[in-house]
Amino acid sequence: MPKRIGYRQLENDECVFMKRDSDSTWSHLSTHIHDIIHIASHQSLVHELKDSLIAEFGEVIYHPTADSYLGFSIQRDPMSQSFHLAQKGQITKILDQYLSGDVKRDPKDILGRHLKRSHWWIK
């Protein structure tokens, strides 16, 4: 369906689609089973995608802002016009499952040095 409204599927990730009308007009969406997260440079692209989904599938549950997606928490920073992704809940769940009871389960203590070297971090 995204291809019919001008989105191009990424070659290295079949769940991510992009649409770029110009350098300043773009839209990206990620799909997973029945969940979609969408970011766009202009509100008109948000409405276009939403209207296309409704036309295709009938009822669509739409949330104007997302605070999580596929286990990631999403935090927006309007001052820097950026957003941050974190997976603290998922990491904590994995650590609880695989570490013994006497090990401190704060992901920052266990993974902090490694994560500081990457673009991902835990808050």
Protein backbone atom coordinates (compact mmCIF):
# COMPACT_ATOMS: atom_id res chain seq x y z
CA MET A 1 0.00 0.00 0.00
CA PRO A 2 2.71 2.60 0.76
CA LYS A 3 4.17 2.18 -2.73
CA ARG A 4 0.83 3.15 -4.28
CA ILE A 5 0.98 6.57 -2.62
CA GLY A 6 4.59 7.32 -3.56
CA TYR A 7 6.66 5.66 -0.82
CA ARG A 8 9.85 3.79 -1.69
CA GLN A 9 10.76 0.69 0.32
CA LEU A 10 14.31 0.64 1.65
CA GLU A 11 16.50 -2.05 0.14
CA ASN A 12 18.10 -3.00 3.47
CA ASP A 13 14.91 -2.95 5.59
CA GLU A 14 11.62 -4.14 4.10
CA CYS A 15 9.64 -2.54 6.95
CA VAL A 16 10.79 1.05 6.32
CA PHE A 17 9.39 3.30 3.60
CA MET A 18 10.43 6.79 2.51
CA LYS A 19 8.83 9.50 0.45
CA ARG A 20 10.74 12.62 -0.56
CA ASP A 21 9.12 15.31 -2.66
CA SER A 22 11.99 17.77 -2.18
CA ASP A 23 14.88 18.39 0.22
CA SER A 24 12.46 19.98 2.68
CA THR A 25 9.41 17.76 2.11
CA TRP A 26 9.80 14.18 3.27
CA SER A 27 7.99 11.40 5.06
CA HIS A 28 9.25 8.15 6.66
CA LEU A 29 7.25 5.27 8.03
CA SER A 30 8.12 2.04 9.76
CA THR A 31 5.72 -0.89 9.78
CA HIS A 32 5.51 -3.94 12.00
CA ILE A 33 2.53 -6.28 11.63
CA HIS A 34 -0.35 -3.88 12.38
CA ASP A 35 1.69 -1.03 13.90
CA ILE A 36 3.02 1.95 11.97
CA ILE A 37 5.06 4.87 13.16
CA HIS A 38 5.25 7.87 10.88
CA ILE A 39 7.35 11.03 10.86
CA ALA A 40 7.00 13.75 8.26
CA SER A 41 8.29 17.20 7.54
CA HIS A 42 4.82 18.62 6.91
CA GLN A 43 1.40 17.98 8.42
CA SER A 44 -0.11 17.58 4.94
CA LEU A 45 1.91 14.36 4.49
CA VAL A 46 0.58 13.04 7.81
CA HIS A 47 -3.00 13.68 6.65
CA GLU A 48 -2.29 12.14 3.23
CA LEU A 49 -1.03 8.89 4.79
CA LYS A 50 -3.85 8.76 7.35
CA ASP A 51 -6.51 9.31 4.64
CA SER A 52 -4.91 6.61 2.44
CA LEU A 53 -4.88 4.11 5.32
CA ILE A 54 -8.53 4.82 6.12
CA ALA A 55 -9.48 4.41 2.44
CA GLU A 56 -7.60 1.09 2.28
CA PHE A 57 -8.53 -0.45 5.63
CA GLY A 58 -11.63 1.39 6.85
CA GLU A 59 -11.02 2.04 10.53
CA VAL A 60 -7.59 3.22 11.66
CA ILE A 61 -6.58 3.97 15.23
CA TYR A 62 -4.52 7.13 15.02
CA HIS A 63 -2.46 8.72 17.80
CA PRO A 64 -1.14 12.19 16.92
CA THR A 65 1.92 11.67 19.10
CA ALA A 66 3.69 8.44 19.97
CA ASP A 67 5.45 7.78 23.24
CA SER A 68 6.48 4.20 22.39
CA TYR A 69 6.93 1.86 19.43
CA LEU A 70 8.03 -1.80 19.43
CA GLY A 71 9.43 -1.61 22.96
CA PHE A 72 11.22 1.71 22.47
CA SER A 73 10.22 4.73 24.50
CA ILE A 74 10.19 7.95 22.50
CA GLN A 75 11.01 11.32 24.03
CA ARG A 76 10.79 14.56 22.09
CA ASP A 77 12.95 17.60 22.71
CA PRO A 78 11.25 20.59 21.07
CA MET A 79 14.12 22.92 21.96
CA SER A 80 16.64 20.98 19.86
CA GLN A 81 13.94 19.73 17.44
CA SER A 82 15.05 16.16 18.03
CA PHE A 83 13.80 12.96 19.57
CA HIS A 84 15.46 10.25 21.62
CA LEU A 85 14.79 6.52 21.58
CA ALA A 86 15.43 4.30 24.59
CA GLN A 87 14.86 0.64 25.33
CA LYS A 88 15.35 0.66 29.09
CA GLY A 89 12.25 -1.46 29.77
CA GLN A 90 13.31 -4.18 27.34
CA ILE A 91 16.90 -4.20 28.59
CA THR A 92 15.74 -4.40 32.21
CA LYS A 93 13.45 -7.31 31.32
CA ILE A 94 16.32 -9.20 29.66
CA LEU A 95 18.66 -8.52 32.57
CA ASP A 96 16.02 -9.71 35.05
CA GLN A 97 15.59 -12.90 33.07
CA TYR A 98 19.26 -13.81 32.67
CA LEU A 99 21.16 -12.33 35.63
CA SER A 100 21.31 -13.86 39.08
CA GLY A 101 19.56 -12.13 41.99
CA ASP A 102 22.75 -10.77 43.55
CA VAL A 103 23.74 -8.71 40.50
CA LYS A 104 22.60 -5.10 40.50
CA ARG A 105 20.08 -4.73 37.67
CA ASP A 106 20.58 -1.13 36.64
CA PRO A 107 21.26 -1.26 32.87
CA LYS A 108 23.33 1.91 33.10
CA ASP A 109 25.77 0.22 35.48
CA ILE A 110 26.11 -2.94 33.38
CA LEU A 111 25.98 -1.51 29.86
CA GLY A 112 26.88 2.15 30.40
CA ARG A 113 30.46 2.08 29.13
CA HIS A 114 29.50 0.20 25.98
CA LEU A 115 26.43 2.32 25.23
CA LYS A 116 28.30 5.61 25.66
CA ARG A 117 30.32 4.68 22.56
CA SER A 118 27.20 4.25 20.44
CA HIS A 119 24.41 6.58 19.38
CA TRP A 120 21.98 4.78 21.68
CA TRP A 121 21.72 5.52 25.35
CA ILE A 122 19.58 4.71 28.34
CA LYS A 123 17.95 7.40 30.43
